[in-house]
C-alpha cells in the first residue's frame, strides 16, 4: 500500500461510539472513512444494520457501504481487496484513510496483511459437512474465521467458513503505517447504548425494511440469516411481539459486543481507551506529523 498518509484504525464493540468520533476526526483532518462492518456492505440493509446516515455520508465520504446485493457472497478476502484499493485511492488524493468498524476479521485482514486461500475446492463443503461442531470451531480458530451469531447451528458455521475463506498466513505485527485504537465503553453504558439503538432502529421502520428485503431476496439469503432480520421474520410471522423482538435484539447485540471485544483483545497492539480520550489522542498524533 501507498504509505504517504497514516492509516487510522478506530474499532471497538457494536454501539460503542466509534463512528461518532471517526466522523469528528475525519471532518477536521480531511479524512475519508472505510467501513469495516460485515453488515453494512449489503445494499438496502440501511436501518437494520445501523448504517451511517445520509447526512454523515454527505459530510464525509464513506467507502465499502452498499457493495453487494444481500443474496451475493462477500468474503473477508473481498473486503481486504476493496479496502486496500480504497486506502490507496484516499491517499492518492492526499486525504487520510480512517478504517472504522467492529468486524475484527476485516480489520485484521488489512493491518496484518492476511494471505487468503484463493483456491475454492469444490469438495470443501463435503469436507466441512463431515466435521463435528467442535472440529468446525477448531477450524475457525486455526484459520482466524469468526464464528457466526448462531454458532450452534452447524449449517451456519459451514457457511461462515465458506464466506470467510481460509487465512493461509498473516503478519504477527501490524503494518507500520497504522495506529489502532479501540473504544472502551463501560459495560452499563454500552448496554444502554445498545438498548437506545434498538429503539431507534424500530422507530425508523426496520419491520417494513425487513419485509421488503425478505420478499425480494428470500429469508434464506446469506445476509438475511444474520443480524436483526431473522428476528424480524418472526415478527412478521407473528411468532414474536415487537417488545419481544426488541429484547431479543438487545441480547443478540450484547453477545456480539462481547465476542468483538474478545477478538480485538487478541492483538496486543490495540490501544484501548475511553470514548472521551480517543479524539484527543488521535488528534495529537495527527498534529505531530
C-alpha atoms as a PDB file:
ATOM      1  CA  UNK A   1       0.000   0.000   0.000  1.00  0.00           C
ATOM      2  CA  UNK A   2       0.995   3.607  -0.589  1.00  0.00           C
ATOM      3  CA  UNK A   3       2.133   4.949   2.793  1.00  0.00           C
ATOM      4  CA  UNK A   4       2.304   8.719   2.355  1.00  0.00           C
ATOM      5  CA  UNK A   5      -0.574   9.147   4.818  1.00  0.00           C
ATOM      6  CA  UNK A   6      -1.128   7.134   8.028  1.00  0.00           C
ATOM      7  CA  UNK A   7      -3.932   4.618   8.319  1.00  0.00           C
ATOM      8  CA  UNK A   8      -6.048   5.448  11.368  1.00  0.00           C
ATOM      9  CA  UNK A   9      -7.974   2.458  12.688  1.00  0.00           C
ATOM     10  CA  UNK A  10     -10.849   3.058  15.104  1.00  0.00           C
ATOM     11  CA  UNK A  11     -12.537  -0.078  16.340  1.00  0.00           C
ATOM     12  CA  UNK A  12     -14.492  -1.426  19.300  1.00  0.00           C
ATOM     13  CA  UNK A  13     -17.694  -3.341  20.001  1.00  0.00           C
ATOM     14  CA  UNK A  14     -21.005  -2.533  18.375  1.00  0.00           C
ATOM     15  CA  UNK A  15     -22.680   0.670  19.653  1.00  0.00           C
ATOM     16  CA  UNK A  16     -19.510   1.827  21.440  1.00  0.00           C
ATOM     17  CA  UNK A  17     -19.471   5.217  19.713  1.00  0.00           C
ATOM     18  CA  UNK A  18     -16.571   4.651  17.319  1.00  0.00           C
ATOM     19  CA  UNK A  19     -18.433   6.054  14.302  1.00  0.00           C
ATOM     20  CA  UNK A  20     -19.144   9.355  16.076  1.00  0.00           C
ATOM     21  CA  UNK A  21     -15.513  10.014  16.966  1.00  0.00           C
ATOM     22  CA  UNK A  22     -14.383   8.919  13.497  1.00  0.00           C
ATOM     23  CA  UNK A  23     -16.753  11.439  11.913  1.00  0.00           C
ATOM     24  CA  UNK A  24     -15.368  14.285  14.041  1.00  0.00           C
ATOM     25  CA  UNK A  25     -11.766  13.388  13.234  1.00  0.00           C
ATOM     26  CA  UNK A  26     -12.417  12.877   9.524  1.00  0.00           C
ATOM     27  CA  UNK A  27     -14.139  16.260   9.308  1.00  0.00           C
ATOM     28  CA  UNK A  28     -11.253  18.052  11.000  1.00  0.00           C
ATOM     29  CA  UNK A  29      -8.381  16.311   9.213  1.00  0.00           C
ATOM     30  CA  UNK A  30      -9.785  15.873   5.690  1.00  0.00           C
ATOM     31  CA  UNK A  31     -10.290  12.174   6.160  1.00  0.00           C
ATOM     32  CA  UNK A  32     -12.440   9.544   4.497  1.00  0.00           C
ATOM     33  CA  UNK A  33     -13.962   6.520   6.219  1.00  0.00           C
ATOM     34  CA  UNK A  34     -13.674   2.884   5.152  1.00  0.00           C
ATOM     35  CA  UNK A  35     -16.420   0.932   6.923  1.00  0.00           C
ATOM     36  CA  UNK A  36     -15.102  -2.343   8.385  1.00  0.00           C
ATOM     37  CA  UNK A  37     -18.506  -3.854   9.062  1.00  0.00           C
ATOM     38  CA  UNK A  38     -19.747  -7.191   7.754  1.00  0.00           C
ATOM     39  CA  UNK A  39     -23.344  -5.943   7.982  1.00  0.00           C
ATOM     40  CA  UNK A  40     -23.220  -2.626   6.127  1.00  0.00           C
ATOM     41  CA  UNK A  41     -21.654  -3.992   2.931  1.00  0.00           C
ATOM     42  CA  UNK A  42     -25.143  -5.045   1.794  1.00  0.00           C
ATOM     43  CA  UNK A  43     -27.340  -2.805  -0.322  1.00  0.00           C
ATOM     44  CA  UNK A  44     -30.764  -1.946   1.030  1.00  0.00           C
ATOM     45  CA  UNK A  45     -29.951  -3.018   4.574  1.00  0.00           C
ATOM     46  CA  UNK A  46     -29.860   0.508   5.939  1.00  0.00           C
ATOM     47  CA  UNK A  47     -31.989   0.550   9.084  1.00  0.00           C
ATOM     48  CA  UNK A  48     -31.312  -2.949  10.425  1.00  0.00           C
ATOM     49  CA  UNK A  49     -27.542  -2.551  10.145  1.00  0.00           C
ATOM     50  CA  UNK A  50     -27.490   0.987  11.637  1.00  0.00           C
ATOM     51  CA  UNK A  51     -25.701   2.191   8.517  1.00  0.00           C
ATOM     52  CA  UNK A  52     -24.197   5.715   8.647  1.00  0.00           C
ATOM     53  CA  UNK A  53     -26.860   8.325   7.916  1.00  0.00           C
ATOM     54  CA  UNK A  54     -27.171  10.009   4.517  1.00  0.00           C
ATOM     55  CA  UNK A  55     -26.143  13.257   6.180  1.00  0.00           C
ATOM     56  CA  UNK A  56     -22.933  11.713   7.545  1.00  0.00           C
ATOM     57  CA  UNK A  57     -22.207  10.236   4.126  1.00  0.00           C
ATOM     58  CA  UNK A  58     -22.619  13.676   2.556  1.00  0.00           C
ATOM     59  CA  UNK A  59     -20.311  15.302   5.095  1.00  0.00           C
ATOM     60  CA  UNK A  60     -17.576  12.656   4.891  1.00  0.00           C
ATOM     61  CA  UNK A  61     -17.013  10.175   2.034  1.00  0.00           C
ATOM     62  CA  UNK A  62     -17.668   6.607   3.172  1.00  0.00           C
ATOM     63  CA  UNK A  63     -16.250   3.573   1.392  1.00  0.00           C
ATOM     64  CA  UNK A  64     -17.379  -0.081   1.333  1.00  0.00           C
ATOM     65  CA  UNK A  65     -21.021   0.650   2.060  1.00  0.00           C
ATOM     66  CA  UNK A  66     -23.600  -0.930  -0.267  1.00  0.00           C
ATOM     67  CA  UNK A  67     -21.024  -3.105  -2.013  1.00  0.00           C
ATOM     68  CA  UNK A  68     -23.121  -6.181  -2.847  1.00  0.00           C
ATOM     69  CA  UNK A  69     -26.731  -7.333  -3.045  1.00  0.00           C
ATOM     70  CA  UNK A  70     -27.996  -9.188   0.046  1.00  0.00           C
ATOM     71  CA  UNK A  71     -28.052 -12.501  -1.840  1.00  0.00           C
ATOM     72  CA  UNK A  72     -24.446 -12.216  -3.028  1.00  0.00           C
ATOM     73  CA  UNK A  73     -21.401 -13.803  -1.421  1.00  0.00           C
ATOM     74  CA  UNK A  74     -18.943 -11.412   0.228  1.00  0.00           C
ATOM     75  CA  UNK A  75     -15.826 -12.655   1.992  1.00  0.00           C
ATOM     76  CA  UNK A  76     -13.074 -11.243   4.154  1.00  0.00           C
ATOM     77  CA  UNK A  77     -10.787 -11.608   1.136  1.00  0.00           C
ATOM     78  CA  UNK A  78     -13.192  -9.438  -0.869  1.00  0.00           C
ATOM     79  CA  UNK A  79     -13.173  -6.857   1.895  1.00  0.00           C
ATOM     80  CA  UNK A  80      -9.373  -6.814   2.090  1.00  0.00           C
ATOM     81  CA  UNK A  81      -9.021  -6.289  -1.657  1.00  0.00           C
ATOM     82  CA  UNK A  82     -11.557  -3.445  -1.774  1.00  0.00           C
ATOM     83  CA  UNK A  83     -10.301  -1.811   1.436  1.00  0.00           C
ATOM     84  CA  UNK A  84      -6.704  -1.679   0.229  1.00  0.00           C
ATOM     85  CA  UNK A  85      -7.895  -0.214  -3.063  1.00  0.00           C
ATOM     86  CA  UNK A  86      -9.899   2.430  -1.151  1.00  0.00           C
ATOM     87  CA  UNK A  87      -6.954   3.256   1.131  1.00  0.00           C
ATOM     88  CA  UNK A  88      -4.661   3.769  -1.851  1.00  0.00           C
ATOM     89  CA  UNK A  89      -7.280   5.919  -3.584  1.00  0.00           C
ATOM     90  CA  UNK A  90      -7.780   8.108  -0.497  1.00  0.00           C
ATOM     91  CA  UNK A  91      -4.038   8.549  -0.024  1.00  0.00           C
ATOM     92  CA  UNK A  92      -3.558   9.398  -3.706  1.00  0.00           C
ATOM     93  CA  UNK A  93      -5.753  12.456  -3.091  1.00  0.00           C
ATOM     94  CA  UNK A  94      -3.708  13.457  -0.009  1.00  0.00           C
ATOM     95  CA  UNK A  95      -6.572  12.540   2.302  1.00  0.00           C
ATOM     96  CA  UNK A  96      -6.303  10.457   5.483  1.00  0.00           C
ATOM     97  CA  UNK A  97      -7.953   6.997   5.483  1.00  0.00           C
ATOM     98  CA  UNK A  98      -9.875   6.021   8.604  1.00  0.00           C
ATOM     99  CA  UNK A  99     -10.652   2.304   8.869  1.00  0.00           C
ATOM    100  CA  UNK A 100     -13.656   2.174  11.193  1.00  0.00           C
ATOM    101  CA  UNK A 101     -15.744  -0.758  12.401  1.00  0.00           C
ATOM    102  CA  UNK A 102     -16.177  -3.689  14.721  1.00  0.00           C
ATOM    103  CA  UNK A 103     -15.605  -6.658  12.408  1.00  0.00           C
ATOM    104  CA  UNK A 104     -12.237  -7.802  13.690  1.00  0.00           C
ATOM    105  CA  UNK A 105     -11.547 -10.216  10.841  1.00  0.00           C
ATOM    106  CA  UNK A 106     -11.973  -7.425   8.283  1.00  0.00           C
ATOM    107  CA  UNK A 107      -9.659  -5.078  10.160  1.00  0.00           C
ATOM    108  CA  UNK A 108      -7.027  -7.763  10.767  1.00  0.00           C
ATOM    109  CA  UNK A 109      -7.085  -8.753   7.089  1.00  0.00           C
ATOM    110  CA  UNK A 110      -5.830  -5.268   6.222  1.00  0.00           C
ATOM    111  CA  UNK A 111      -3.464  -4.335   9.040  1.00  0.00           C
ATOM    112  CA  UNK A 112      -1.935  -7.809   9.391  1.00  0.00           C
ATOM    113  CA  UNK A 113      -1.739  -8.343   5.625  1.00  0.00           C
ATOM    114  CA  UNK A 114      -3.636 -11.630   5.558  1.00  0.00           C
ATOM    115  CA  UNK A 115      -2.935 -14.028   2.713  1.00  0.00           C
ATOM    116  CA  UNK A 116      -6.082 -15.893   1.741  1.00  0.00           C
ATOM    117  CA  UNK A 117      -6.500 -19.270   0.107  1.00  0.00           C
ATOM    118  CA  UNK A 118      -7.782 -18.390  -3.341  1.00  0.00           C
ATOM    119  CA  UNK A 119      -8.427 -21.973  -4.398  1.00  0.00           C
ATOM    120  CA  UNK A 120     -12.067 -22.760  -3.702  1.00  0.00           C
ATOM    121  CA  UNK A 121     -12.068 -26.539  -3.554  1.00  0.00           C
ATOM    122  CA  UNK A 122     -15.447 -27.817  -4.819  1.00  0.00           C
ATOM    123  CA  UNK A 123     -15.141 -30.569  -2.214  1.00  0.00           C
ATOM    124  CA  UNK A 124     -14.702 -28.095   0.645  1.00  0.00           C
ATOM    125  CA  UNK A 125     -18.351 -28.207   1.700  1.00  0.00           C
ATOM    126  CA  UNK A 126     -18.316 -32.002   1.726  1.00  0.00           C
ATOM    127  CA  UNK A 127     -15.230 -31.902   3.933  1.00  0.00           C
ATOM    128  CA  UNK A 128     -16.787 -29.359   6.285  1.00  0.00           C
ATOM    129  CA  UNK A 129     -20.103 -31.181   6.479  1.00  0.00           C
ATOM    130  CA  UNK A 130     -18.254 -34.294   7.646  1.00  0.00           C
ATOM    131  CA  UNK A 131     -16.778 -32.436  10.614  1.00  0.00           C
ATOM    132  CA  UNK A 132     -18.359 -32.229  14.054  1.00  0.00           C
ATOM    133  CA  UNK A 133     -19.245 -28.826  15.518  1.00  0.00           C
ATOM    134  CA  UNK A 134     -16.185 -28.950  17.780  1.00  0.00           C
ATOM    135  CA  UNK A 135     -13.951 -29.702  14.792  1.00  0.00           C
ATOM    136  CA  UNK A 136     -15.507 -26.780  12.906  1.00  0.00           C
ATOM    137  CA  UNK A 137     -14.856 -24.474  15.877  1.00  0.00           C
ATOM    138  CA  UNK A 138     -11.204 -25.557  15.868  1.00  0.00           C
ATOM    139  CA  UNK A 139     -11.011 -24.967  12.110  1.00  0.00           C
ATOM    140  CA  UNK A 140     -12.369 -21.444  12.568  1.00  0.00           C
ATOM    141  CA  UNK A 141      -9.913 -20.668  15.369  1.00  0.00           C
ATOM    142  CA  UNK A 142      -6.959 -22.013  13.378  1.00  0.00           C
ATOM    143  CA  UNK A 143      -7.913 -20.027  10.267  1.00  0.00           C
ATOM    144  CA  UNK A 144      -8.903 -16.787  12.029  1.00  0.00           C
ATOM    145  CA  UNK A 145     -12.531 -17.100  10.982  1.00  0.00           C
ATOM    146  CA  UNK A 146     -15.068 -15.552  13.353  1.00  0.00           C
ATOM    147  CA  UNK A 147     -17.958 -17.747  14.453  1.00  0.00           C
ATOM    148  CA  UNK A 148     -21.419 -16.684  13.256  1.00  0.00           C
ATOM    149  CA  UNK A 149     -24.018 -15.381  15.677  1.00  0.00           C
ATOM    150  CA  UNK A 150     -25.877 -18.704  15.541  1.00  0.00           C
ATOM    151  CA  UNK A 151     -22.729 -20.775  16.094  1.00  0.00           C
ATOM    152  CA  UNK A 152     -24.650 -23.758  17.461  1.00  0.00           C
ATOM    153  CA  UNK A 153     -26.180 -24.270  14.029  1.00  0.00           C
ATOM    154  CA  UNK A 154     -23.740 -26.370  12.001  1.00  0.00           C
ATOM    155  CA  UNK A 155     -25.091 -25.128   8.659  1.00  0.00           C
ATOM    156  CA  UNK A 156     -24.405 -21.524   9.665  1.00  0.00           C
ATOM    157  CA  UNK A 157     -20.853 -22.354  10.781  1.00  0.00           C
ATOM    158  CA  UNK A 158     -20.135 -24.109   7.474  1.00  0.00           C
ATOM    159  CA  UNK A 159     -21.495 -21.157   5.500  1.00  0.00           C
ATOM    160  CA  UNK A 160     -19.426 -18.761   7.555  1.00  0.00           C
ATOM    161  CA  UNK A 161     -16.255 -20.688   6.743  1.00  0.00           C
ATOM    162  CA  UNK A 162     -17.121 -20.688   3.058  1.00  0.00           C
ATOM    163  CA  UNK A 163     -17.791 -16.936   3.152  1.00  0.00           C
ATOM    164  CA  UNK A 164     -14.679 -16.148   5.142  1.00  0.00           C
ATOM    165  CA  UNK A 165     -12.036 -18.037   3.164  1.00  0.00           C
ATOM    166  CA  UNK A 166      -9.186 -19.709   4.997  1.00  0.00           C
ATOM    167  CA  UNK A 167      -6.320 -17.486   6.051  1.00  0.00           C
ATOM    168  CA  UNK A 168      -3.082 -19.022   4.878  1.00  0.00           C
ATOM    169  CA  UNK A 169      -0.701 -16.563   6.510  1.00  0.00           C
ATOM    170  CA  UNK A 170      -0.693 -13.274   8.359  1.00  0.00           C
ATOM    171  CA  UNK A 171       1.889 -10.971   9.888  1.00  0.00           C
ATOM    172  CA  UNK A 172       2.271 -11.032  13.649  1.00  0.00           C
ATOM    173  CA  UNK A 173       2.782  -7.268  13.787  1.00  0.00           C
ATOM    174  CA  UNK A 174       0.583  -4.638  12.215  1.00  0.00           C
ATOM    175  CA  UNK A 175       1.768  -2.655   9.220  1.00  0.00           C
ATOM    176  CA  UNK A 176       3.836   0.297  10.396  1.00  0.00           C
ATOM    177  CA  UNK A 177       1.623   2.949   8.811  1.00  0.00           C
ATOM    178  CA  UNK A 178      -1.308   2.483  11.161  1.00  0.00           C
ATOM    179  CA  UNK A 179      -2.367   3.217  14.708  1.00  0.00           C
ATOM    180  CA  UNK A 180      -5.183   1.122  16.125  1.00  0.00           C
ATOM    181  CA  UNK A 181      -7.467   2.492  18.825  1.00  0.00           C
ATOM    182  CA  UNK A 182     -10.414   0.660  20.361  1.00  0.00           C
ATOM    183  CA  UNK A 183     -13.221   2.464  22.159  1.00  0.00           C
ATOM    184  CA  UNK A 184     -13.531   1.044  25.688  1.00  0.00           C
ATOM    185  CA  UNK A 185     -17.076   1.862  26.762  1.00  0.00           C
ATOM    186  CA  UNK A 186     -18.206   0.955  30.291  1.00  0.00           C
ATOM    187  CA  UNK A 187     -20.443  -2.124  30.316  1.00  0.00           C
ATOM    188  CA  UNK A 188     -23.516  -0.348  31.680  1.00  0.00           C
ATOM    189  CA  UNK A 189     -23.099   2.490  29.202  1.00  0.00           C
ATOM    190  CA  UNK A 190     -22.599   0.087  26.300  1.00  0.00           C
ATOM    191  CA  UNK A 191     -25.673  -1.923  27.241  1.00  0.00           C
ATOM    192  CA  UNK A 192     -27.724   1.270  27.417  1.00  0.00           C
ATOM    193  CA  UNK A 193     -26.421   2.401  24.022  1.00  0.00           C
ATOM    194  CA  UNK A 194     -27.468  -0.940  22.526  1.00  0.00           C
ATOM    195  CA  UNK A 195     -30.954  -0.518  24.013  1.00  0.00           C
ATOM    196  CA  UNK A 196     -31.238   3.032  22.647  1.00  0.00           C
ATOM    197  CA  UNK A 197     -30.056   1.996  19.213  1.00  0.00           C
ATOM    198  CA  UNK A 198     -32.552  -0.868  19.156  1.00  0.00           C
ATOM    199  CA  UNK A 199     -35.369   1.576  19.931  1.00  0.00           C
ATOM    200  CA  UNK A 200     -34.148   3.875  17.146  1.00  0.00           C
ATOM    201  CA  UNK A 201     -33.993   1.000  14.649  1.00  0.00           C
ATOM    202  CA  UNK A 202     -37.593   0.025  15.347  1.00  0.00           C
ATOM    203  CA  UNK A 203     -38.809   3.621  15.268  1.00  0.00           C
ATOM    204  CA  UNK A 204     -37.082   4.059  11.898  1.00  0.00           C
ATOM    205  CA  UNK A 205     -39.071   1.264  10.250  1.00  0.00           C
ATOM    206  CA  UNK A 206     -36.945  -1.867  10.394  1.00  0.00           C
ATOM    207  CA  UNK A 207     -40.009  -4.146  10.198  1.00  0.00           C
ATOM    208  CA  UNK A 208     -41.021  -2.662   6.851  1.00  0.00           C
ATOM    209  CA  UNK A 209     -37.432  -2.785   5.578  1.00  0.00           C
ATOM    210  CA  UNK A 210     -37.096  -6.450   6.544  1.00  0.00           C
ATOM    211  CA  UNK A 211     -40.403  -7.320   4.862  1.00  0.00           C
ATOM    212  CA  UNK A 212     -39.292  -5.735   1.582  1.00  0.00           C
ATOM    213  CA  UNK A 213     -35.870  -7.417   1.727  1.00  0.00           C
ATOM    214  CA  UNK A 214     -37.368 -10.800   2.582  1.00  0.00           C
ATOM    215  CA  UNK A 215     -39.783 -10.598  -0.311  1.00  0.00           C
ATOM    216  CA  UNK A 216     -37.059  -9.528  -2.746  1.00  0.00           C
ATOM    217  CA  UNK A 217     -34.161 -11.779  -1.726  1.00  0.00           C
ATOM    218  CA  UNK A 218     -35.738 -14.559   0.338  1.00  0.00           C
ATOM    219  CA  UNK A 219     -35.204 -15.206   4.027  1.00  0.00           C
ATOM    220  CA  UNK A 220     -32.501 -17.802   3.392  1.00  0.00           C
ATOM    221  CA  UNK A 221     -30.166 -15.420   1.554  1.00  0.00           C
ATOM    222  CA  UNK A 222     -26.687 -15.127   3.092  1.00  0.00           C
ATOM    223  CA  UNK A 223     -27.252 -11.720   4.684  1.00  0.00           C
ATOM    224  CA  UNK A 224     -30.828 -12.408   5.776  1.00  0.00           C
ATOM    225  CA  UNK A 225     -29.748 -15.198   8.119  1.00  0.00           C
ATOM    226  CA  UNK A 226     -27.848 -12.797  10.378  1.00  0.00           C
ATOM    227  CA  UNK A 227     -28.248  -9.565  12.299  1.00  0.00           C
ATOM    228  CA  UNK A 228     -31.764  -8.402  13.150  1.00  0.00           C
ATOM    229  CA  UNK A 229     -33.503  -9.850  10.090  1.00  0.00           C
ATOM    230  CA  UNK A 230     -34.285 -13.374  11.387  1.00  0.00           C
ATOM    231  CA  UNK A 231     -35.892 -11.665  14.383  1.00  0.00           C
ATOM    232  CA  UNK A 232     -37.981  -9.509  12.053  1.00  0.00           C
ATOM    233  CA  UNK A 233     -39.022 -12.620  10.149  1.00  0.00           C
ATOM    234  CA  UNK A 234     -40.501 -13.999  13.366  1.00  0.00           C
ATOM    235  CA  UNK A 235     -42.298 -10.700  13.996  1.00  0.00           C
ATOM    236  CA  UNK A 236     -43.836 -10.825  10.524  1.00  0.00           C
ATOM    237  CA  UNK A 237     -44.885 -14.448  11.157  1.00  0.00           C
ATOM    238  CA  UNK A 238     -46.494 -13.380  14.461  1.00  0.00           C
ATOM    239  CA  UNK A 239     -44.063 -15.563  16.399  1.00  0.00           C
ATOM    240  CA  UNK A 240     -42.718 -12.575  18.360  1.00  0.00           C
ATOM    241  CA  UNK A 241     -44.242  -9.318  19.562  1.00  0.00           C
ATOM    242  CA  UNK A 242     -42.401  -6.052  18.929  1.00  0.00           C
ATOM    243  CA  UNK A 243     -41.361  -5.862  22.590  1.00  0.00           C
ATOM    244  CA  UNK A 244     -40.060  -9.434  22.496  1.00  0.00           C
ATOM    245  CA  UNK A 245     -38.171  -8.667  19.295  1.00  0.00           C
ATOM    246  CA  UNK A 246     -36.542  -5.617  20.864  1.00  0.00           C
ATOM    247  CA  UNK A 247     -35.456  -7.633  23.876  1.00  0.00           C
ATOM    248  CA  UNK A 248     -34.084 -10.399  21.659  1.00  0.00           C
ATOM    249  CA  UNK A 249     -32.140  -7.927  19.529  1.00  0.00           C
ATOM    250  CA  UNK A 250     -30.592  -6.272  22.596  1.00  0.00           C
ATOM    251  CA  UNK A 251     -29.476  -9.688  23.858  1.00  0.00           C
ATOM    252  CA  UNK A 252     -28.094 -10.612  20.438  1.00  0.00           C
ATOM    253  CA  UNK A 253     -26.139  -7.372  20.045  1.00  0.00           C
ATOM    254  CA  UNK A 254     -24.825  -7.612  23.616  1.00  0.00           C
ATOM    255  CA  UNK A 255     -23.449 -11.069  22.846  1.00  0.00           C
ATOM    256  CA  UNK A 256     -21.982  -9.741  19.604  1.00  0.00           C
ATOM    257  CA  UNK A 257     -20.266  -6.925  21.522  1.00  0.00           C
ATOM    258  CA  UNK A 258     -18.669  -9.406  23.931  1.00  0.00           C
ATOM    259  CA  UNK A 259     -17.395 -11.550  21.040  1.00  0.00           C
ATOM    260  CA  UNK A 260     -15.964  -8.480  19.331  1.00  0.00           C
ATOM    261  CA  UNK A 261     -14.137  -7.426  22.497  1.00  0.00           C
ATOM    262  CA  UNK A 262     -12.673 -10.929  22.859  1.00  0.00           C
ATOM    263  CA  UNK A 263     -11.466 -10.887  19.251  1.00  0.00           C
ATOM    264  CA  UNK A 264      -9.917  -7.422  19.464  1.00  0.00           C
ATOM    265  CA  UNK A 265      -8.087  -8.190  22.697  1.00  0.00           C
ATOM    266  CA  UNK A 266      -6.137 -10.914  20.899  1.00  0.00           C
ATOM    267  CA  UNK A 267      -3.975  -8.197  19.348  1.00  0.00           C
ATOM    268  CA  UNK A 268      -1.689  -6.546  21.897  1.00  0.00           C
ATOM    269  CA  UNK A 269      -1.057  -3.514  19.679  1.00  0.00           C
ATOM    270  CA  UNK A 270      -4.677  -2.365  20.000  1.00  0.00           C
ATOM    271  CA  UNK A 271      -4.809   0.654  22.335  1.00  0.00           C
ATOM    272  CA  UNK A 272      -7.977   0.650  24.428  1.00  0.00           C
ATOM    273  CA  UNK A 273      -9.211   3.960  25.809  1.00  0.00           C
ATOM    274  CA  UNK A 274     -12.446   5.608  26.984  1.00  0.00           C
ATOM    275  CA  UNK A 275     -14.561   7.390  24.335  1.00  0.00           C
ATOM    276  CA  UNK A 276     -13.579  10.877  25.547  1.00  0.00           C
ATOM    277  CA  UNK A 277      -9.862  10.094  25.177  1.00  0.00           C
ATOM    278  CA  UNK A 278      -9.951   8.751  21.626  1.00  0.00           C
ATOM    279  CA  UNK A 279     -10.404  12.079  19.840  1.00  0.00           C
ATOM    280  CA  UNK A 280      -7.608  13.989  21.660  1.00  0.00           C
ATOM    281  CA  UNK A 281      -5.211  11.030  21.356  1.00  0.00           C
ATOM    282  CA  UNK A 282      -5.617  10.646  17.596  1.00  0.00           C
ATOM    283  CA  UNK A 283      -5.767  14.398  17.121  1.00  0.00           C
ATOM    284  CA  UNK A 284      -2.436  14.820  18.925  1.00  0.00           C
ATOM    285  CA  UNK A 285      -0.922  12.057  16.774  1.00  0.00           C
ATOM    286  CA  UNK A 286      -2.058  13.735  13.550  1.00  0.00           C
ATOM    287  CA  UNK A 287      -0.981  17.196  14.677  1.00  0.00           C
ATOM    288  CA  UNK A 288       2.507  15.913  15.483  1.00  0.00           C
ATOM    289  CA  UNK A 289       3.110  14.547  11.984  1.00  0.00           C
END
